[in-house]
Amino acid sequence: MAKKTVASLQTGGGKEHTKCIKVMRSPKTGAYMFKEEIVHNDKVNDWFGQS
């Protein structure tokens, strides 16, 4: 799935976006979760700043 996402970003306009992965802890179980999202380059720091 990641290959497909990366390949589609490389064709036309994809250089303005970044795939971000944030590690979070579940409040219920304490297990680690991963949150992935494709974000515009200007908004990357804002995305990592939010919970």
Protein backbone atom coordinates (compact mmCIF):
# COMPACT_ATOMS: atom_id res chain seq x y z
CA MET A 1 0.00 0.00 0.00
CA ALA A 2 2.82 2.41 0.79
CA LYS A 3 4.40 1.83 -2.61
CA LYS A 4 1.14 2.76 -4.30
CA THR A 5 0.84 5.96 -2.25
CA VAL A 6 4.42 7.00 -2.94
CA ALA A 7 4.12 6.20 -6.65
CA SER A 8 0.97 8.28 -7.00
CA LEU A 9 2.61 11.24 -5.23
CA GLN A 10 5.59 11.23 -7.56
CA THR A 11 3.42 11.94 -10.61
CA GLY A 12 2.28 15.54 -10.78
CA GLY A 13 2.13 17.81 -7.75
CA GLY A 14 3.31 15.23 -5.25
CA LYS A 15 6.51 17.04 -4.36
CA GLU A 16 4.47 19.54 -2.37
CA HIS A 17 3.22 16.84 0.02
CA THR A 18 4.85 14.67 2.67
CA LYS A 19 3.69 11.41 4.23
CA CYS A 20 3.90 11.88 8.00
CA ILE A 21 3.82 9.09 10.58
CA LYS A 22 3.28 9.93 14.24
CA VAL A 23 3.67 7.45 17.13
CA MET A 24 0.99 7.83 19.81
CA ARG A 25 0.02 5.93 22.93
CA SER A 26 -3.50 4.61 23.41
CA PRO A 27 -5.11 6.15 26.50
CA LYS A 28 -7.03 2.92 27.22
CA THR A 29 -4.37 0.24 26.87
CA GLY A 30 -1.10 2.15 26.75
CA ALA A 31 -0.16 0.38 23.52
CA TYR A 32 1.56 2.28 20.74
CA MET A 33 -0.49 3.40 17.73
CA PHE A 34 0.65 4.91 14.46
CA LYS A 35 -1.20 7.76 12.79
CA GLU A 36 -0.37 8.30 9.11
CA GLU A 37 -1.46 11.16 6.91
CA ILE A 38 -0.32 12.92 3.74
CA VAL A 39 0.17 16.60 4.57
CA HIS A 40 1.15 19.65 2.52
CA ASN A 41 4.77 20.69 3.18
CA ASP A 42 3.70 24.02 4.72
CA LYS A 43 1.54 22.28 7.35
CA VAL A 44 3.92 19.52 8.52
CA ASN A 45 5.01 21.26 11.75
CA ASP A 46 1.39 22.08 12.62
CA TRP A 47 0.38 18.46 12.07
CA PHE A 48 3.08 17.16 14.41
CA GLY A 49 2.16 19.78 17.01
CA GLN A 50 -1.43 18.57 17.37
CA SER A 51 -2.39 15.44 19.29
